[in-house]
Amino acid sequence: MTDPAGSKPRKYLLYAATVIATVVSSFLCTSCNRNGKQLGKAVTNRDSVSVMSTRGVDMLISENGIVRYHVIAESWDIYDKMKRPFYSMEEGILLEILDSAMQVESSIIADTAYYYMNEELWELRRNVHAENVRNEKFDTHLLFVNNRTNRMYSDSLIRIDQENQTIIGRGFESNNNLTEYTIRQTEGVFPVSDEE
């Protein structure tokens, strides 16, 4: 059987059009990659991404049905798939520890905070400033608050301003309301003068 007139040129035209379209599309795709932004690799490790991010946090945290903490933070990220799951508050935090009548026992301000969920442990970092009900002030760079033991502690340098004196030391442990505390290595005790 012979091809009808004109079918051979039409076959070659279709073949040529397909080849040209393939070459042009591959050229366009490679030129887009050269001129466009390079994309990063897809995140395949689920544990490196926060499951939730929020801004402007003001929350109460309870233990065994009793409200124990008031938290105010600029940002809050939850990393619940990590080997050591935690909350991250890296733009500042105000942490108030409350008594059973929801009165503030002690308050802590820090630049950064992490809360390790499984351990019930707060880690407060950089410019940590705490106060108790006796108006004593505590300043350090690192402070841990353990919810399980109701203890605060640090191995960093700490300054405690009391009514009549300032104590500087290294290493610190206290109850959660900062009324019973011990400094491990006292480096200096300085009386506060009433005169200005």
Protein backbone atom coordinates (compact mmCIF):
# COMPACT_ATOMS: atom_id res chain seq x y z
CA MET A 1 0.00 0.00 0.00
CA THR A 2 1.37 3.40 -0.93
CA ASP A 3 1.20 6.48 1.24
CA PRO A 4 -1.34 9.02 0.13
CA ALA A 5 0.20 12.17 -1.29
CA GLY A 6 1.57 14.51 1.34
CA SER A 7 1.53 12.07 4.30
CA LYS A 8 5.33 11.67 4.37
CA PRO A 9 6.03 15.43 4.63
CA ARG A 10 3.35 15.73 7.34
CA LYS A 11 5.02 12.95 9.36
CA TYR A 12 8.39 14.72 9.13
CA LEU A 13 6.79 18.05 10.11
CA LEU A 14 5.27 16.49 13.26
CA TYR A 15 8.61 14.87 14.12
CA ALA A 16 10.50 18.13 13.58
CA ALA A 17 7.94 20.11 15.64
CA THR A 18 8.26 17.62 18.52
CA VAL A 19 12.07 17.84 18.48
CA ILE A 20 12.00 21.65 18.37
CA ALA A 21 9.46 21.83 21.22
CA THR A 22 11.61 19.49 23.36
CA VAL A 23 14.79 21.49 22.71
CA VAL A 24 13.08 24.84 23.41
CA SER A 25 11.43 23.63 26.65
CA SER A 26 14.70 22.17 27.97
CA PHE A 27 16.49 25.41 27.07
CA LEU A 28 13.85 27.46 28.92
CA CYS A 29 14.04 25.24 32.00
CA THR A 30 17.83 25.45 32.23
CA SER A 31 17.84 29.20 31.66
CA CYS A 32 15.26 29.64 34.45
CA ASN A 33 17.50 27.76 36.86
CA ARG A 34 20.52 29.89 35.93
CA ASN A 35 18.75 33.22 36.39
CA GLY A 36 16.33 32.33 39.20
CA LYS A 37 17.02 31.74 42.87
CA GLN A 38 18.55 28.47 43.89
CA LEU A 39 16.10 26.49 45.97
CA GLY A 40 17.24 24.65 49.06
CA LYS A 41 16.79 20.95 49.49
CA ALA A 42 13.47 19.79 50.83
CA VAL A 43 13.33 19.21 54.57
CA THR A 44 13.30 15.46 55.00
CA ASN A 45 14.04 15.39 58.73
CA ARG A 46 10.70 16.20 60.39
CA ASP A 47 12.34 16.76 63.76
CA SER A 48 14.19 19.88 62.59
CA VAL A 49 10.99 21.83 61.91
CA SER A 50 8.70 23.34 64.53
CA VAL A 51 5.20 21.90 64.56
CA MET A 52 3.77 25.27 65.63
CA SER A 53 4.99 28.86 65.68
CA THR A 54 3.06 31.71 67.22
CA ARG A 55 3.63 35.31 68.24
CA GLY A 56 2.44 37.35 71.21
CA VAL A 57 2.01 34.55 73.75
CA ASP A 58 0.31 35.11 77.11
CA MET A 59 -0.53 31.78 78.75
CA LEU A 60 -1.01 29.98 82.04
CA ILE A 61 0.57 26.57 82.63
CA SER A 62 -0.85 24.18 85.21
CA GLU A 63 0.58 21.20 87.07
CA ASN A 64 -1.82 18.56 88.36
CA GLY A 65 -4.75 20.90 87.77
CA ILE A 66 -3.18 23.85 89.64
CA VAL A 67 -2.01 26.91 87.71
CA ARG A 68 1.70 27.32 88.50
CA TYR A 69 3.19 29.51 85.76
CA HIS A 70 2.26 32.63 83.84
CA VAL A 71 4.28 33.04 80.63
CA ILE A 72 4.50 36.08 78.37
CA ALA A 73 6.68 35.73 75.27
CA GLU A 74 7.09 37.48 71.94
CA SER A 75 7.44 34.20 70.03
CA TRP A 76 6.84 30.54 70.78
CA ASP A 77 7.91 27.55 68.68
CA ILE A 78 7.15 23.92 69.51
CA TYR A 79 9.60 21.19 68.46
CA ASP A 80 7.77 18.05 69.52
CA LYS A 81 9.50 15.56 67.18
CA MET A 82 13.01 16.09 68.53
CA LYS A 83 14.74 13.43 70.62
CA ARG A 84 14.44 15.94 73.47
CA PRO A 85 11.14 17.78 72.66
CA PHE A 86 11.03 21.43 73.68
CA TYR A 87 9.35 24.82 73.45
CA SER A 88 11.53 27.66 72.21
CA MET A 89 11.00 31.31 73.17
CA GLU A 90 13.94 33.13 71.61
CA GLU A 91 12.71 36.73 71.60
CA GLY A 92 12.38 37.25 75.34
CA ILE A 93 10.23 35.84 78.11
CA LEU A 94 8.59 36.83 81.37
CA LEU A 95 8.03 33.78 83.57
CA GLU A 96 6.00 34.23 86.77
CA ILE A 97 5.87 31.40 89.28
CA LEU A 98 2.52 31.41 91.11
CA ASP A 99 1.40 30.03 94.44
CA SER A 100 -1.87 28.12 94.98
CA ALA A 101 -3.80 31.42 95.28
CA MET A 102 -2.29 32.54 91.92
CA GLN A 103 -0.14 35.19 93.60
CA VAL A 104 3.34 35.77 92.14
CA GLU A 105 6.03 34.05 94.25
CA SER A 106 8.89 34.95 91.93
CA SER A 107 9.35 36.39 88.47
CA ILE A 108 12.06 35.88 85.87
CA ILE A 109 12.88 37.83 82.72
CA ALA A 110 15.33 36.44 80.13
CA ASP A 111 16.33 37.04 76.53
CA THR A 112 15.83 33.37 75.58
CA ALA A 113 14.02 30.41 77.11
CA TYR A 114 13.62 26.72 76.35
CA TYR A 115 11.20 24.38 78.07
CA TYR A 116 12.05 20.67 77.82
CA MET A 117 8.69 18.92 77.99
CA ASN A 118 9.71 15.42 79.05
CA GLU A 119 11.96 16.74 81.83
CA GLU A 120 9.65 19.60 82.92
CA LEU A 121 12.75 21.82 82.86
CA TRP A 122 13.08 25.51 81.96
CA GLU A 123 16.40 26.77 80.63
CA LEU A 124 16.64 30.58 80.72
CA ARG A 125 19.56 32.24 78.93
CA ARG A 126 21.18 35.67 78.56
CA ASN A 127 20.34 38.65 80.76
CA VAL A 128 18.39 36.57 83.26
CA HIS A 129 16.86 38.77 85.96
CA ALA A 130 14.74 37.30 88.76
CA GLU A 131 12.98 38.81 91.78
CA ASN A 132 11.31 37.34 94.85
CA VAL A 133 8.59 38.65 97.18
CA ARG A 134 11.26 40.15 99.49
CA ASN A 135 12.35 42.41 96.62
CA GLU A 136 15.71 40.64 96.31
CA LYS A 137 17.11 40.72 92.77
CA PHE A 138 19.07 37.93 91.08
CA ASP A 139 21.10 38.47 87.88
CA THR A 140 22.89 35.75 85.89
CA HIS A 141 23.41 34.49 82.33
CA LEU A 142 21.96 31.00 82.78
CA LEU A 143 19.25 29.69 85.08
CA PHE A 144 17.39 26.37 85.18
CA VAL A 145 13.96 25.94 86.78
CA ASN A 146 13.05 22.31 87.47
CA ASN A 147 9.29 21.80 87.82
CA ARG A 148 9.66 18.26 89.18
CA THR A 149 11.90 19.21 92.09
CA ASN A 150 10.64 22.81 92.47
CA ARG A 151 14.27 23.97 92.43
CA MET A 152 16.20 26.65 90.54
CA TYR A 153 19.92 26.34 89.88
CA SER A 154 22.86 27.67 87.88
CA ASP A 155 26.60 27.09 87.61
CA SER A 156 27.16 30.59 86.19
CA LEU A 157 28.22 33.81 87.87
CA ILE A 158 25.34 35.31 89.85
CA ARG A 159 24.72 38.65 91.54
CA ILE A 160 22.15 38.96 94.32
CA ASP A 161 21.05 42.42 95.44
CA GLN A 162 19.57 42.30 98.93
CA GLU A 163 18.34 45.24 101.00
CA ASN A 164 21.66 45.83 102.81
CA GLN A 165 24.25 44.04 100.67
CA THR A 166 25.17 42.68 97.25
CA ILE A 167 26.51 39.13 96.97
CA ILE A 168 28.48 37.91 93.95
CA GLY A 169 29.23 34.24 93.50
CA ARG A 170 29.42 31.29 91.16
CA GLY A 171 26.95 28.44 91.36
CA PHE A 172 23.51 28.86 92.85
CA GLU A 173 20.58 26.74 94.04
CA SER A 174 17.20 27.83 95.37
CA ASN A 175 13.61 26.86 95.92
CA ASN A 176 11.15 28.08 93.23
CA ASN A 177 10.12 31.20 95.15
CA LEU A 178 13.77 32.28 95.64
CA THR A 179 13.47 32.63 99.42
CA GLU A 180 15.85 29.82 100.45
CA TYR A 181 19.04 29.81 98.41
CA THR A 182 22.68 28.81 98.53
CA ILE A 183 25.65 30.24 96.63
CA ARG A 184 28.35 27.64 96.07
CA GLN A 185 31.41 29.89 95.63
CA THR A 186 31.04 33.36 97.08
CA GLU A 187 33.35 35.82 95.35
CA GLY A 188 32.35 38.92 97.27
CA VAL A 189 29.86 40.51 99.66
CA PHE A 190 29.49 44.27 99.39
CA PRO A 191 27.47 46.40 101.83
CA VAL A 192 24.95 48.79 100.29
CA SER A 193 25.37 52.37 101.49
CA ASP A 194 22.29 54.36 102.50
CA GLU A 195 24.02 57.58 101.46
CA GLU A 196 23.77 58.81 97.90
